[in-house]
Amino acid sequence: MNPRGGSAAGYGEAHNRVGNVNQGQARPGQARTMKCYNCNGTGHIAR
């Protein structure tokens, strides 16, 4: 039981759903597209 109330339980469930989606995207052998921090282009990272 959370001392602040029941709202945190709903947040935890939402966080778990997001975590499950991320696990599905991180499959081994699958190419990962990267975003550049400067120009938001895909395929390279520049800092």
Protein backbone atom coordinates (compact mmCIF):
# COMPACT_ATOMS: atom_id res chain seq x y z
CA MET A 1 0.00 0.00 0.00
CA ASN A 2 1.35 3.36 -0.99
CA PRO A 3 1.16 6.00 1.77
CA ARG A 4 0.17 8.64 -0.80
CA GLY A 5 -2.86 6.74 -2.02
CA GLY A 6 -3.98 4.47 -4.83
CA SER A 7 -2.98 6.73 -7.73
CA ALA A 8 0.57 5.39 -7.72
CA ALA A 9 -0.68 1.87 -8.46
CA GLY A 10 -2.20 3.08 -11.71
CA TYR A 11 1.06 4.77 -12.64
CA GLY A 12 2.96 1.55 -11.95
CA GLU A 13 0.66 -0.39 -14.26
CA ALA A 14 1.17 2.16 -17.02
CA HIS A 15 4.94 1.96 -16.52
CA ASN A 16 4.81 -1.84 -16.81
CA ARG A 17 2.89 -1.60 -20.08
CA VAL A 18 5.51 0.76 -21.49
CA GLY A 19 8.27 -1.60 -20.35
CA ASN A 20 6.64 -4.52 -22.12
CA VAL A 21 6.44 -2.58 -25.38
CA ASN A 22 10.12 -1.67 -25.12
CA GLN A 23 11.08 -5.29 -24.56
CA GLY A 24 9.27 -6.26 -27.76
CA GLN A 25 11.22 -3.70 -29.76
CA ALA A 26 14.63 -4.79 -28.44
CA ARG A 27 14.77 -8.18 -30.13
CA PRO A 28 18.18 -9.68 -30.84
CA GLY A 29 19.20 -9.51 -34.48
CA GLN A 30 16.95 -6.54 -35.21
CA ALA A 31 18.54 -3.36 -36.55
CA ARG A 32 18.22 -0.33 -34.29
CA THR A 33 17.73 3.10 -35.81
CA MET A 34 19.61 5.83 -33.98
CA LYS A 35 18.71 9.50 -33.84
CA CYS A 36 21.23 12.30 -34.08
CA TYR A 37 21.11 14.62 -31.08
CA ASN A 38 21.90 17.72 -33.17
CA CYS A 39 19.80 17.43 -36.34
CA ASN A 40 17.31 14.64 -35.37
CA GLY A 41 18.38 12.69 -38.45
CA THR A 42 18.39 8.90 -38.32
CA GLY A 43 21.36 6.59 -38.76
CA HIS A 44 24.08 8.58 -36.96
CA ILE A 45 24.84 10.05 -33.55
CA ALA A 46 26.64 13.37 -33.19
CA ARG A 47 27.30 15.05 -29.85
